[in-house]
Each structure stands twice: as structure tokens, then as C-alpha cells.
Protein backbone atom coordinates (compact mmCIF):
# COMPACT_ATOMS: atom_id res chain seq x y z
CA UNK A 1 -31.16 5.15 50.38
CA UNK A 2 -31.27 7.62 47.57
CA UNK A 3 -29.22 6.94 44.50
CA UNK A 4 -26.53 9.08 42.92
CA UNK A 5 -24.90 9.31 39.51
CA UNK A 6 -21.11 9.09 39.41
CA UNK A 7 -18.79 11.02 37.10
CA UNK A 8 -18.70 7.99 34.82
CA UNK A 9 -22.03 9.27 33.40
CA UNK A 10 -21.88 9.70 29.61
CA UNK A 11 -24.97 11.96 29.43
CA UNK A 12 -26.85 9.47 27.28
CA UNK A 13 -30.24 10.73 28.58
CA UNK A 14 -31.83 7.31 29.04
CA UNK A 15 -32.27 7.55 32.82
CA UNK A 16 -34.11 10.87 33.09
CA UNK A 17 -37.38 9.85 31.38
CA UNK A 18 -37.47 6.56 33.33
CA UNK A 19 -37.65 8.22 36.76
CA UNK A 20 -41.27 8.15 37.99
CA UNK A 21 -40.56 10.86 40.58
CA UNK A 22 -38.76 13.35 38.33
CA UNK A 23 -35.69 13.09 40.55
CA UNK A 24 -33.17 13.02 37.67
CA UNK A 25 -32.15 16.25 35.96
CA UNK A 26 -29.29 17.43 33.77
CA UNK A 27 -26.60 18.99 35.94
CA UNK A 28 -23.71 21.21 34.87
CA UNK A 29 -21.61 18.28 33.68
CA UNK A 30 -23.59 15.07 34.27
CA UNK A 31 -27.08 14.03 35.24
CA UNK A 32 -27.94 14.39 38.92
CA UNK A 33 -30.44 12.73 41.26
CA UNK A 34 -32.30 14.82 43.83
CA UNK A 35 -32.19 12.76 47.07
CA UNK A 36 -35.38 14.47 48.27
CA UNK A 37 -37.28 12.95 45.32
CA UNK A 38 -35.49 9.63 44.85
CA UNK A 39 -37.33 6.64 46.32
CA UNK A 40 -35.28 4.04 44.41
CA UNK A 41 -38.60 3.43 42.60
CA UNK A 42 -40.18 2.04 45.80
CA UNK A 43 -43.91 2.28 45.27
CA UNK A 44 -43.55 2.25 41.50
CA UNK A 45 -41.31 -0.67 40.48
CA UNK A 46 -39.43 -3.59 42.03
CA UNK A 47 -36.06 -2.25 40.85
CA UNK A 48 -34.74 1.29 40.28
CA UNK A 49 -35.49 2.00 36.64
CA UNK A 50 -32.51 4.30 36.14
CA UNK A 51 -30.14 1.48 37.10
CA UNK A 52 -32.00 -0.90 34.79
CA UNK A 53 -31.45 1.31 31.72
CA UNK A 54 -28.01 2.81 32.46
CA UNK A 55 -25.53 1.51 29.85
CA UNK A 56 -22.42 2.35 31.91
CA UNK A 57 -23.49 1.36 35.44
CA UNK A 58 -22.80 4.79 36.89
CA UNK A 59 -25.79 4.90 39.27
CA UNK A 60 -25.00 3.80 42.82
CA UNK A 61 -26.36 4.12 46.34
CA UNK A 62 -25.63 7.55 47.81
CA UNK A 63 -23.84 6.92 51.12
CA UNK A 64 -24.85 10.39 52.36
CA UNK A 65 -28.57 9.63 52.03
CA UNK A 66 -29.16 6.21 53.54
CA UNK A 67 -32.82 5.32 54.03
CA UNK A 68 -34.65 2.13 54.91
CA UNK A 69 -37.29 0.67 52.63
CA UNK A 70 -39.89 1.97 55.09
CA UNK A 71 -38.50 5.48 54.83
CA UNK A 72 -38.46 5.23 51.03
CA UNK A 73 -42.10 4.06 51.07
CA UNK A 74 -43.06 6.98 53.32
CA UNK A 75 -41.28 9.39 50.97
CA UNK A 76 -43.14 7.84 48.02
CA UNK A 77 -46.48 8.29 49.80
CA UNK A 78 -45.66 11.91 50.67
CA UNK A 79 -44.67 12.66 47.06
CA UNK A 80 -47.90 11.10 45.79
CA UNK A 81 -50.03 13.27 48.07
CA UNK A 82 -48.29 16.51 47.10
């Protein structure tokens, strides 16, 4: 599953530099996570780093982009080879 940032985001900018895949960018109003790049840190860390550092707990699983751990691992491997 990819993650998403809810509208509770306060634009504190702590999540963006923590993403090892560069999936987090500043959107028009709040930060956004690109589901094509988000691996929930599978392959990099045991826990999603954006969730670890978010002070307002506004990063949740994106119900529109559900993926198994195997799919996330395959996405990680594809991103690493690109």
C-alpha cells in the first residue's frame, strides 16, 4: 500500500527529506506522496520514515493504492534499477 498525506498536514517539511524514494513533494496546499514511488520504505527501513517524523499523524495508508509487501519490495527493486 502506498501512503497518503491528509489535509491535516501543517506543511512542516519534516517528511520530504526523510523519503528515500523522493516520493514526497510540496503540492498546491499540502505535501503529497506519489504512489508510484512510495514503497512505505520497504527495502530501506523497517518503518515508513515519514510516519516516524510526522508531528501531526497526517500520513495514512492510501486505500486507492493497496499493495502487498511483495509488491512494495518489487517496486523498490524496480526503482533501484532505474
